[in-house]
Amino acid sequence: GTGLYRAVEYVRRGEAAFSRYAETGDLPIDNNPVENAIRPVALGKKNWLFAGSERAGRRAAVLQTLLGTARLNGVEPMAWLKDVLEKLPTWRYSRLDELLPLRPPER
């Protein structure tokens, strides 16, 4: 269908989620912090073409994402990475999400 039809269908399918979003007001309406955080990656994307291989490029993308997430959450990226690399050899796989550079939501 048309672009308008697709837009209306998108809103219709996500109505419950959009309603919850509007009711709580916990999340910002814009995505500016994320867009600003990924700008350096976007500006350097020609350089990422030479990561060595597709697999190496994916690894670099994951690392950039984790470091960007740390910055957005007020976590110093290199200190977080050093800490995680020291813990990983003995860390239980079932608890990996505890190592993510996230901070609890403010209430």
PDB file of N, CA and C in Angstrom:
ATOM      1  N   GLY A   1       0.771  -1.180   0.000  1.00  0.00           N
ATOM      2  CA  GLY A   1       0.000   0.000   0.000  1.00  0.00           C
ATOM      3  C   GLY A   1       0.825   1.263   0.000  1.00  0.00           C
ATOM      4  N   THR A   2       0.107   2.321   0.119  1.00  0.00           N
ATOM      5  CA  THR A   2       0.720   3.645   0.100  1.00  0.00           C
ATOM      6  C   THR A   2       1.449   3.923   1.411  1.00  0.00           C
ATOM      7  N   GLY A   3       2.230   4.975   1.403  1.00  0.00           N
ATOM      8  CA  GLY A   3       2.934   5.361   2.620  1.00  0.00           C
ATOM      9  C   GLY A   3       1.980   5.718   3.741  1.00  0.00           C
ATOM     10  N   LEU A   4       0.887   6.392   3.394  1.00  0.00           N
ATOM     11  CA  LEU A   4      -0.099   6.763   4.408  1.00  0.00           C
ATOM     12  C   LEU A   4      -0.749   5.521   5.005  1.00  0.00           C
ATOM     13  N   TYR A   5      -1.080   4.561   4.158  1.00  0.00           N
ATOM     14  CA  TYR A   5      -1.690   3.312   4.639  1.00  0.00           C
ATOM     15  C   TYR A   5      -0.737   2.603   5.603  1.00  0.00           C
ATOM     16  N   ARG A   6       0.538   2.518   5.226  1.00  0.00           N
ATOM     17  CA  ARG A   6       1.525   1.849   6.092  1.00  0.00           C
ATOM     18  C   ARG A   6       1.654   2.578   7.425  1.00  0.00           C
ATOM     19  N   ALA A   7       1.631   3.906   7.395  1.00  0.00           N
ATOM     20  CA  ALA A   7       1.737   4.680   8.635  1.00  0.00           C
ATOM     21  C   ALA A   7       0.534   4.437   9.540  1.00  0.00           C
ATOM     22  N   VAL A   8      -0.650   4.426   8.960  1.00  0.00           N
ATOM     23  CA  VAL A   8      -1.862   4.191   9.753  1.00  0.00           C
ATOM     24  C   VAL A   8      -1.845   2.784  10.335  1.00  0.00           C
ATOM     25  N   GLU A   9      -1.433   1.805   9.548  1.00  0.00           N
ATOM     26  CA  GLU A   9      -1.359   0.422  10.032  1.00  0.00           C
ATOM     27  C   GLU A   9      -0.344   0.293  11.165  1.00  0.00           C
ATOM     28  N   TYR A  10       0.773   0.999  11.034  1.00  0.00           N
ATOM     29  CA  TYR A  10       1.803   0.978  12.073  1.00  0.00           C
ATOM     30  C   TYR A  10       1.224   1.478  13.398  1.00  0.00           C
ATOM     31  N   VAL A  11       0.512   2.587  13.349  1.00  0.00           N
ATOM     32  CA  VAL A  11      -0.091   3.147  14.563  1.00  0.00           C
ATOM     33  C   VAL A  11      -1.162   2.209  15.102  1.00  0.00           C
ATOM     34  N   ARG A  12      -1.974   1.650  14.224  1.00  0.00           N
ATOM     35  CA  ARG A  12      -3.047   0.753  14.654  1.00  0.00           C
ATOM     36  C   ARG A  12      -2.476  -0.481  15.354  1.00  0.00           C
ATOM     37  N   ARG A  13      -1.429  -1.079  14.790  1.00  0.00           N
ATOM     38  CA  ARG A  13      -0.828  -2.279  15.391  1.00  0.00           C
ATOM     39  C   ARG A  13      -0.149  -1.963  16.722  1.00  0.00           C
ATOM     40  N   GLY A  14       0.387  -0.768  16.860  1.00  0.00           N
ATOM     41  CA  GLY A  14       1.105  -0.425  18.085  1.00  0.00           C
ATOM     42  C   GLY A  14       0.303   0.404  19.063  1.00  0.00           C
ATOM     43  N   GLU A  15      -1.002   0.464  18.868  1.00  0.00           N
ATOM     44  CA  GLU A  15      -1.848   1.344  19.680  1.00  0.00           C
ATOM     45  C   GLU A  15      -1.693   1.101  21.181  1.00  0.00           C
ATOM     46  N   ALA A  16      -1.654  -0.150  21.604  1.00  0.00           N
ATOM     47  CA  ALA A  16      -1.541  -0.445  23.040  1.00  0.00           C
ATOM     48  C   ALA A  16      -0.224   0.091  23.600  1.00  0.00           C
ATOM     49  N   ALA A  17       0.867  -0.137  22.870  1.00  0.00           N
ATOM     50  CA  ALA A  17       2.173   0.336  23.338  1.00  0.00           C
ATOM     51  C   ALA A  17       2.226   1.860  23.337  1.00  0.00           C
ATOM     52  N   PHE A  18       1.689   2.480  22.292  1.00  0.00           N
ATOM     53  CA  PHE A  18       1.691   3.939  22.231  1.00  0.00           C
ATOM     54  C   PHE A  18       0.868   4.530  23.370  1.00  0.00           C
ATOM     55  N   SER A  19      -0.245   3.894  23.693  1.00  0.00           N
ATOM     56  CA  SER A  19      -1.092   4.374  24.788  1.00  0.00           C
ATOM     57  C   SER A  19      -0.354   4.288  26.117  1.00  0.00           C
ATOM     58  N   ARG A  20       0.331   3.166  26.359  1.00  0.00           N
ATOM     59  CA  ARG A  20       1.109   3.022  27.603  1.00  0.00           C
ATOM     60  C   ARG A  20       2.178   4.099  27.680  1.00  0.00           C
ATOM     61  N   TYR A  21       2.839   4.350  26.552  1.00  0.00           N
ATOM     62  CA  TYR A  21       3.878   5.371  26.509  1.00  0.00           C
ATOM     63  C   TYR A  21       3.297   6.731  26.899  1.00  0.00           C
ATOM     64  N   ALA A  22       2.149   7.068  26.344  1.00  0.00           N
ATOM     65  CA  ALA A  22       1.530   8.368  26.606  1.00  0.00           C
ATOM     66  C   ALA A  22       1.027   8.483  28.045  1.00  0.00           C
ATOM     67  N   GLU A  23       0.596   7.372  28.629  1.00  0.00           N
ATOM     68  CA  GLU A  23       0.062   7.400  29.993  1.00  0.00           C
ATOM     69  C   GLU A  23       1.146   7.582  31.043  1.00  0.00           C
ATOM     70  N   THR A  24       2.295   6.931  30.856  1.00  0.00           N
ATOM     71  CA  THR A  24       3.318   6.960  31.897  1.00  0.00           C
ATOM     72  C   THR A  24       4.175   8.213  31.849  1.00  0.00           C
ATOM     73  N   GLY A  25       4.557   8.661  30.673  1.00  0.00           N
ATOM     74  CA  GLY A  25       5.401   9.837  30.547  1.00  0.00           C
ATOM     75  C   GLY A  25       6.814   9.637  31.054  1.00  0.00           C
ATOM     76  N   ASP A  26       7.241   8.381  31.220  1.00  0.00           N
ATOM     77  CA  ASP A  26       8.581   8.099  31.739  1.00  0.00           C
ATOM     78  C   ASP A  26       9.686   8.328  30.710  1.00  0.00           C
ATOM     79  N   LEU A  27       9.375   8.173  29.444  1.00  0.00           N
ATOM     80  CA  LEU A  27      10.391   8.242  28.399  1.00  0.00           C
ATOM     81  C   LEU A  27      10.289   9.545  27.624  1.00  0.00           C
ATOM     82  N   PRO A  28      11.433  10.069  27.179  1.00  0.00           N
ATOM     83  CA  PRO A  28      11.386  11.299  26.386  1.00  0.00           C
ATOM     84  C   PRO A  28      10.728  11.032  25.031  1.00  0.00           C
ATOM     85  N   ILE A  29      10.128  12.044  24.462  1.00  0.00           N
ATOM     86  CA  ILE A  29       9.431  11.901  23.189  1.00  0.00           C
ATOM     87  C   ILE A  29      10.412  11.851  22.021  1.00  0.00           C
ATOM     88  N   ASP A  30      11.612  12.363  22.214  1.00  0.00           N
ATOM     89  CA  ASP A  30      12.580  12.364  21.112  1.00  0.00           C
ATOM     90  C   ASP A  30      13.684  11.341  21.343  1.00  0.00           C
ATOM     91  N   ASN A  31      14.509  11.192  20.345  1.00  0.00           N
ATOM     92  CA  ASN A  31      15.589  10.220  20.375  1.00  0.00           C
ATOM     93  C   ASN A  31      16.937  10.933  20.242  1.00  0.00           C
ATOM     94  N   ASN A  32      16.988  12.221  20.557  1.00  0.00           N
ATOM     95  CA  ASN A  32      18.192  13.015  20.349  1.00  0.00           C
ATOM     96  C   ASN A  32      19.430  12.476  21.061  1.00  0.00           C
ATOM     97  N   PRO A  33      19.349  12.032  22.321  1.00  0.00           N
ATOM     98  CA  PRO A  33      20.567  11.514  22.959  1.00  0.00           C
ATOM     99  C   PRO A  33      21.176  10.330  22.200  1.00  0.00           C
ATOM    100  N   VAL A  34      20.340   9.444  21.704  1.00  0.00           N
ATOM    101  CA  VAL A  34      20.848   8.291  20.955  1.00  0.00           C
ATOM    102  C   VAL A  34      21.439   8.746  19.630  1.00  0.00           C
ATOM    103  N   GLU A  35      20.748   9.638  18.936  1.00  0.00           N
ATOM    104  CA  GLU A  35      21.264  10.129  17.659  1.00  0.00           C
ATOM    105  C   GLU A  35      22.602  10.830  17.839  1.00  0.00           C
ATOM    106  N   ASN A  36      22.742  11.618  18.897  1.00  0.00           N
ATOM    107  CA  ASN A  36      24.021  12.278  19.163  1.00  0.00           C
ATOM    108  C   ASN A  36      25.108  11.273  19.511  1.00  0.00           C
ATOM    109  N   ALA A  37      24.739  10.208  20.212  1.00  0.00           N
ATOM    110  CA  ALA A  37      25.725   9.203  20.606  1.00  0.00           C
ATOM    111  C   ALA A  37      26.239   8.412  19.415  1.00  0.00           C
ATOM    112  N   ILE A  38      25.392   8.182  18.410  1.00  0.00           N
ATOM    113  CA  ILE A  38      25.840   7.374  17.273  1.00  0.00           C
ATOM    114  C   ILE A  38      26.446   8.211  16.154  1.00  0.00           C
ATOM    115  N   ARG A  39      26.401   9.528  16.289  1.00  0.00           N
ATOM    116  CA  ARG A  39      26.949  10.393  15.241  1.00  0.00           C
ATOM    117  C   ARG A  39      28.402  10.058  14.902  1.00  0.00           C
ATOM    118  N   PRO A  40      29.307   9.864  15.885  1.00  0.00           N
ATOM    119  CA  PRO A  40      30.690   9.523  15.519  1.00  0.00           C
ATOM    120  C   PRO A  40      30.786   8.236  14.700  1.00  0.00           C
ATOM    121  N   VAL A  41      29.953   7.270  15.005  1.00  0.00           N
ATOM    122  CA  VAL A  41      29.963   6.020  14.239  1.00  0.00           C
ATOM    123  C   VAL A  41      29.478   6.287  12.826  1.00  0.00           C
ATOM    124  N   ALA A  42      28.418   7.071  12.692  1.00  0.00           N
ATOM    125  CA  ALA A  42      27.885   7.379  11.366  1.00  0.00           C
ATOM    126  C   ALA A  42      28.904   8.160  10.540  1.00  0.00           C
ATOM    127  N   LEU A  43      29.601   9.097  11.160  1.00  0.00           N
ATOM    128  CA  LEU A  43      30.594   9.890  10.435  1.00  0.00           C
ATOM    129  C   LEU A  43      31.779   9.042   9.986  1.00  0.00           C
ATOM    130  N   GLY A  44      32.092   7.998  10.743  1.00  0.00           N
ATOM    131  CA  GLY A  44      33.230   7.150  10.403  1.00  0.00           C
ATOM    132  C   GLY A  44      32.868   5.894   9.639  1.00  0.00           C
ATOM    133  N   LYS A  45      31.634   5.809   9.111  1.00  0.00           N
ATOM    134  CA  LYS A  45      31.193   4.540   8.532  1.00  0.00           C
ATOM    135  C   LYS A  45      32.019   4.094   7.337  1.00  0.00           C
ATOM    136  N   LYS A  46      32.607   5.019   6.581  1.00  0.00           N
ATOM    137  CA  LYS A  46      33.479   4.589   5.483  1.00  0.00           C
ATOM    138  C   LYS A  46      34.692   3.843   6.029  1.00  0.00           C
ATOM    139  N   ASN A  47      35.190   4.275   7.174  1.00  0.00           N
ATOM    140  CA  ASN A  47      36.333   3.590   7.785  1.00  0.00           C
ATOM    141  C   ASN A  47      35.960   2.197   8.261  1.00  0.00           C
ATOM    142  N   TRP A  48      34.691   2.012   8.663  1.00  0.00           N
ATOM    143  CA  TRP A  48      34.272   0.704   9.161  1.00  0.00           C
ATOM    144  C   TRP A  48      34.226  -0.323   8.039  1.00  0.00           C
ATOM    145  N   LEU A  49      34.247   0.124   6.784  1.00  0.00           N
ATOM    146  CA  LEU A  49      34.262  -0.824   5.663  1.00  0.00           C
ATOM    147  C   LEU A  49      35.538  -1.658   5.671  1.00  0.00           C
ATOM    148  N   PHE A  50      36.556  -1.181   6.348  1.00  0.00           N
ATOM    149  CA  PHE A  50      37.850  -1.856   6.341  1.00  0.00           C
ATOM    150  C   PHE A  50      38.154  -2.492   7.689  1.00  0.00           C
ATOM    151  N   ALA A  51      37.162  -3.094   8.286  1.00  0.00           N
ATOM    152  CA  ALA A  51      37.319  -3.738   9.593  1.00  0.00           C
ATOM    153  C   ALA A  51      38.067  -5.064   9.479  1.00  0.00           C
ATOM    154  N   GLY A  52      38.265  -5.562   8.268  1.00  0.00           N
ATOM    155  CA  GLY A  52      38.992  -6.813   8.069  1.00  0.00           C
ATOM    156  C   GLY A  52      38.115  -7.903   7.491  1.00  0.00           C
ATOM    157  N   SER A  53      36.916  -8.027   8.012  1.00  0.00           N
ATOM    158  CA  SER A  53      35.970  -9.027   7.518  1.00  0.00           C
ATOM    159  C   SER A  53      34.579  -8.643   8.015  1.00  0.00           C
ATOM    160  N   GLU A  54      33.575  -9.311   7.478  1.00  0.00           N
ATOM    161  CA  GLU A  54      32.214  -9.035   7.937  1.00  0.00           C
ATOM    162  C   GLU A  54      32.077  -9.372   9.421  1.00  0.00           C
ATOM    163  N   ARG A  55      32.689 -10.463   9.821  1.00  0.00           N
ATOM    164  CA  ARG A  55      32.624 -10.880  11.228  1.00  0.00           C
ATOM    165  C   ARG A  55      33.293  -9.849  12.142  1.00  0.00           C
ATOM    166  N   ALA A  56      34.449  -9.350  11.713  1.00  0.00           N
ATOM    167  CA  ALA A  56      35.147  -8.330  12.503  1.00  0.00           C
ATOM    168  C   ALA A  56      34.327  -7.043  12.561  1.00  0.00           C
ATOM    169  N   GLY A  57      33.658  -6.716  11.466  1.00  0.00           N
ATOM    170  CA  GLY A  57      32.798  -5.537  11.449  1.00  0.00           C
ATOM    171  C   GLY A  57      31.651  -5.658  12.434  1.00  0.00           C
ATOM    172  N   ARG A  58      31.075  -6.852  12.516  1.00  0.00           N
ATOM    173  CA  ARG A  58      29.986  -7.074  13.480  1.00  0.00           C
ATOM    174  C   ARG A  58      30.494  -6.935  14.909  1.00  0.00           C
ATOM    175  N   ARG A  59      31.677  -7.469  15.169  1.00  0.00           N
ATOM    176  CA  ARG A  59      32.259  -7.337  16.514  1.00  0.00           C
ATOM    177  C   ARG A  59      32.499  -5.871  16.855  1.00  0.00           C
ATOM    178  N   ALA A  60      33.028  -5.123  15.891  1.00  0.00           N
ATOM    179  CA  ALA A  60      33.276  -3.698  16.121  1.00  0.00           C
ATOM    180  C   ALA A  60      31.963  -2.967  16.396  1.00  0.00           C
ATOM    181  N   ALA A  61      30.910  -3.333  15.676  1.00  0.00           N
ATOM    182  CA  ALA A  61      29.602  -2.697  15.880  1.00  0.00           C
ATOM    183  C   ALA A  61      29.060  -2.996  17.272  1.00  0.00           C
ATOM    184  N   VAL A  62      29.217  -4.228  17.731  1.00  0.00           N
ATOM    185  CA  VAL A  62      28.751  -4.594  19.076  1.00  0.00           C
ATOM    186  C   VAL A  62      29.523  -3.798  20.125  1.00  0.00           C
ATOM    187  N   LEU A  63      30.831  -3.713  19.961  1.00  0.00           N
ATOM    188  CA  LEU A  63      31.650  -2.976  20.923  1.00  0.00           C
ATOM    189  C   LEU A  63      31.275  -1.494  20.933  1.00  0.00           C
ATOM    190  N   GLN A  64      31.102  -0.898  19.749  1.00  0.00           N
ATOM    191  CA  GLN A  64      30.698   0.509  19.677  1.00  0.00           C
ATOM    192  C   GLN A  64      29.347   0.725  20.359  1.00  0.00           C
ATOM    193  N   THR A  65      28.430  -0.223  20.173  1.00  0.00           N
ATOM    194  CA  THR A  65      27.106  -0.123  20.795  1.00  0.00           C
ATOM    195  C   THR A  65      27.213  -0.167  22.312  1.00  0.00           C
ATOM    196  N   LEU A  66      28.007  -1.088  22.833  1.00  0.00           N
ATOM    197  CA  LEU A  66      28.168  -1.201  24.286  1.00  0.00           C
ATOM    198  C   LEU A  66      28.828   0.043  24.880  1.00  0.00           C
ATOM    199  N   LEU A  67      29.862   0.555  24.212  1.00  0.00           N
ATOM    200  CA  LEU A  67      30.537   1.751  24.716  1.00  0.00           C
ATOM    201  C   LEU A  67      29.611   2.967  24.649  1.00  0.00           C
ATOM    202  N   GLY A  68      28.822   3.069  23.583  1.00  0.00           N
ATOM    203  CA  GLY A  68      27.848   4.155  23.477  1.00  0.00           C
ATOM    204  C   GLY A  68      26.773   4.055  24.544  1.00  0.00           C
ATOM    205  N   THR A  69      26.334   2.833  24.832  1.00  0.00           N
ATOM    206  CA  THR A  69      25.338   2.616  25.882  1.00  0.00           C
ATOM    207  C   THR A  69      25.893   3.042  27.234  1.00  0.00           C
ATOM    208  N   ALA A  70      27.162   2.723  27.472  1.00  0.00           N
ATOM    209  CA  ALA A  70      27.798   3.141  28.724  1.00  0.00           C
ATOM    210  C   ALA A  70      27.775   4.663  28.842  1.00  0.00           C
ATOM    211  N   ARG A  71      28.194   5.354  27.774  1.00  0.00           N
ATOM    212  CA  ARG A  71      28.213   6.822  27.805  1.00  0.00           C
ATOM    213  C   ARG A  71      26.822   7.386  28.099  1.00  0.00           C
ATOM    214  N   LEU A  72      25.807   6.850  27.407  1.00  0.00           N
ATOM    215  CA  LEU A  72      24.438   7.344  27.595  1.00  0.00           C
ATOM    216  C   LEU A  72      23.926   7.126  29.010  1.00  0.00           C
ATOM    217  N   ASN A  73      24.467   6.122  29.690  1.00  0.00           N
ATOM    218  CA  ASN A  73      24.024   5.807  31.047  1.00  0.00           C
ATOM    219  C   ASN A  73      24.937   6.388  32.112  1.00  0.00           C
ATOM    220  N   GLY A  74      25.840   7.278  31.703  1.00  0.00           N
ATOM    221  CA  GLY A  74      26.712   7.928  32.668  1.00  0.00           C
ATOM    222  C   GLY A  74      27.783   7.022  33.240  1.00  0.00           C
ATOM    223  N   VAL A  75      28.104   5.950  32.516  1.00  0.00           N
ATOM    224  CA  VAL A  75      29.139   5.007  32.940  1.00  0.00           C
ATOM    225  C   VAL A  75      30.392   5.306  32.124  1.00  0.00           C
ATOM    226  N   GLU A  76      31.543   5.437  32.784  1.00  0.00           N
ATOM    227  CA  GLU A  76      32.783   5.718  32.068  1.00  0.00           C
ATOM    228  C   GLU A  76      33.136   4.483  31.235  1.00  0.00           C
ATOM    229  N   PRO A  77      33.148   4.591  29.897  1.00  0.00           N
ATOM    230  CA  PRO A  77      33.272   3.419  29.030  1.00  0.00           C
ATOM    231  C   PRO A  77      34.523   2.573  29.251  1.00  0.00           C
ATOM    232  N   MET A  78      35.681   3.192  29.369  1.00  0.00           N
ATOM    233  CA  MET A  78      36.905   2.393  29.484  1.00  0.00           C
ATOM    234  C   MET A  78      36.997   1.705  30.845  1.00  0.00           C
ATOM    235  N   ALA A  79      36.538   2.365  31.898  1.00  0.00           N
ATOM    236  CA  ALA A  79      36.521   1.724  33.220  1.00  0.00           C
ATOM    237  C   ALA A  79      35.559   0.540  33.206  1.00  0.00           C
ATOM    238  N   TRP A  80      34.389   0.717  32.565  1.00  0.00           N
ATOM    239  CA  TRP A  80      33.417  -0.374  32.461  1.00  0.00           C
ATOM    240  C   TRP A  80      34.015  -1.545  31.684  1.00  0.00           C
ATOM    241  N   LEU A  81      34.653  -1.251  30.547  1.00  0.00           N
ATOM    242  CA  LEU A  81      35.229  -2.309  29.711  1.00  0.00           C
ATOM    243  C   LEU A  81      36.323  -3.063  30.461  1.00  0.00           C
ATOM    244  N   LYS A  82      37.188  -2.343  31.164  1.00  0.00           N
ATOM    245  CA  LYS A  82      38.249  -2.990  31.947  1.00  0.00           C
ATOM    246  C   LYS A  82      37.642  -3.912  33.000  1.00  0.00           C
ATOM    247  N   ASP A  83      36.632  -3.425  33.701  1.00  0.00           N
ATOM    248  CA  ASP A  83      35.965  -4.215  34.735  1.00  0.00           C
ATOM    249  C   ASP A  83      35.349  -5.483  34.141  1.00  0.00           C
ATOM    250  N   VAL A  84      34.651  -5.339  33.026  1.00  0.00           N
ATOM    251  CA  VAL A  84      33.990  -6.488  32.391  1.00  0.00           C
ATOM    252  C   VAL A  84      35.020  -7.506  31.903  1.00  0.00           C
ATOM    253  N   LEU A  85      36.094  -7.037  31.290  1.00  0.00           N
ATOM    254  CA  LEU A  85      37.107  -7.967  30.783  1.00  0.00           C
ATOM    255  C   LEU A  85      37.787  -8.738  31.913  1.00  0.00           C
ATOM    256  N   GLU A  86      37.903  -8.110  33.083  1.00  0.00           N
ATOM    257  CA  GLU A  86      38.473  -8.815  34.234  1.00  0.00           C
ATOM    258  C   GLU A  86      37.507  -9.858  34.788  1.00  0.00           C
ATOM    259  N   LYS A  87      36.210  -9.568  34.751  1.00  0.00           N
ATOM    260  CA  LYS A  87      35.208 -10.476  35.318  1.00  0.00           C
ATOM    261  C   LYS A  87      34.814 -11.619  34.380  1.00  0.00           C
ATOM    262  N   LEU A  88      34.857 -11.396  33.082  1.00  0.00           N
ATOM    263  CA  LEU A  88      34.318 -12.357  32.116  1.00  0.00           C
ATOM    264  C   LEU A  88      34.845 -13.785  32.233  1.00  0.00           C
ATOM    265  N   PRO A  89      36.140 -13.997  32.461  1.00  0.00           N
ATOM    266  CA  PRO A  89      36.620 -15.387  32.477  1.00  0.00           C
ATOM    267  C   PRO A  89      35.921 -16.295  33.486  1.00  0.00           C
ATOM    268  N   THR A  90      35.441 -15.735  34.588  1.00  0.00           N
ATOM    269  CA  THR A  90      34.803 -16.581  35.604  1.00  0.00           C
ATOM    270  C   THR A  90      33.313 -16.277  35.777  1.00  0.00           C
ATOM    271  N   TRP A  91      32.779 -15.396  34.955  1.00  0.00           N
ATOM    272  CA  TRP A  91      31.384 -14.983  35.083  1.00  0.00           C
ATOM    273  C   TRP A  91      30.462 -16.051  34.510  1.00  0.00           C
ATOM    274  N   ARG A  92      29.339 -16.289  35.185  1.00  0.00           N
ATOM    275  CA  ARG A  92      28.364 -17.273  34.700  1.00  0.00           C
ATOM    276  C   ARG A  92      27.592 -16.708  33.512  1.00  0.00           C
ATOM    277  N   TYR A  93      27.456 -17.518  32.476  1.00  0.00           N
ATOM    278  CA  TYR A  93      26.762 -17.106  31.255  1.00  0.00           C
ATOM    279  C   TYR A  93      25.331 -16.652  31.548  1.00  0.00           C
ATOM    280  N   SER A  94      24.687 -17.310  32.484  1.00  0.00           N
ATOM    281  CA  SER A  94      23.290 -16.986  32.808  1.00  0.00           C
ATOM    282  C   SER A  94      23.143 -15.602  33.448  1.00  0.00           C
ATOM    283  N   ARG A  95      24.258 -14.980  33.827  1.00  0.00           N
ATOM    284  CA  ARG A  95      24.210 -13.666  34.480  1.00  0.00           C
ATOM    285  C   ARG A  95      24.856 -12.566  33.630  1.00  0.00           C
ATOM    286  N   LEU A  96      25.078 -12.832  32.342  1.00  0.00           N
ATOM    287  CA  LEU A  96      25.764 -11.865  31.486  1.00  0.00           C
ATOM    288  C   LEU A  96      25.080 -10.500  31.457  1.00  0.00           C
ATOM    289  N   ASP A  97      23.756 -10.486  31.518  1.00  0.00           N
ATOM    290  CA  ASP A  97      23.053  -9.205  31.445  1.00  0.00           C
ATOM    291  C   ASP A  97      23.401  -8.280  32.609  1.00  0.00           C
ATOM    292  N   GLU A  98      23.902  -8.830  33.694  1.00  0.00           N
ATOM    293  CA  GLU A  98      24.305  -8.005  34.841  1.00  0.00           C
ATOM    294  C   GLU A  98      25.544  -7.166  34.534  1.00  0.00           C
ATOM    295  N   LEU A  99      26.277  -7.533  33.496  1.00  0.00           N
ATOM    296  CA  LEU A  99      27.487  -6.806  33.135  1.00  0.00           C
ATOM    297  C   LEU A  99      27.221  -5.651  32.169  1.00  0.00           C
ATOM    298  N   LEU A 100      26.000  -5.537  31.670  1.00  0.00           N
ATOM    299  CA  LEU A 100      25.688  -4.464  30.729  1.00  0.00           C
ATOM    300  C   LEU A 100      25.853  -3.102  31.395  1.00  0.00           C
ATOM    301  N   PRO A 101      26.298  -2.100  30.633  1.00  0.00           N
ATOM    302  CA  PRO A 101      26.546  -0.774  31.216  1.00  0.00           C
ATOM    303  C   PRO A 101      25.268   0.041  31.364  1.00  0.00           C
ATOM    304  N   LEU A 102      24.357  -0.444  32.189  1.00  0.00           N
ATOM    305  CA  LEU A 102      23.068   0.218  32.382  1.00  0.00           C
ATOM    306  C   LEU A 102      22.967   0.772  33.788  1.00  0.00           C
ATOM    307  N   ARG A 103      22.156   1.778  33.944  1.00  0.00           N
ATOM    308  CA  ARG A 103      21.848   2.267  35.288  1.00  0.00           C
ATOM    309  C   ARG A 103      20.356   2.069  35.497  1.00  0.00           C
ATOM    310  N   PRO A 104      19.949   1.844  36.726  1.00  0.00           N
ATOM    311  CA  PRO A 104      18.512   1.655  36.977  1.00  0.00           C
ATOM    312  C   PRO A 104      17.740   2.934  36.670  1.00  0.00           C
ATOM    313  N   PRO A 105      16.494   2.813  36.225  1.00  0.00           N
ATOM    314  CA  PRO A 105      15.700   4.016  35.938  1.00  0.00           C
ATOM    315  C   PRO A 105      15.490   4.855  37.192  1.00  0.00           C
ATOM    316  N   GLU A 106      15.517   6.173  37.004  1.00  0.00           N
ATOM    317  CA  GLU A 106      15.307   7.087  38.132  1.00  0.00           C
ATOM    318  C   GLU A 106      13.822   7.212  38.405  1.00  0.00           C
ATOM    319  N   ARG A 107      13.454   7.240  39.642  1.00  0.00           N
ATOM    320  CA  ARG A 107      12.034   7.370  40.027  1.00  0.00           C
ATOM    321  C   ARG A 107      11.826   8.640  40.798  1.00  0.00           C
TER     322      ARG A 107
END
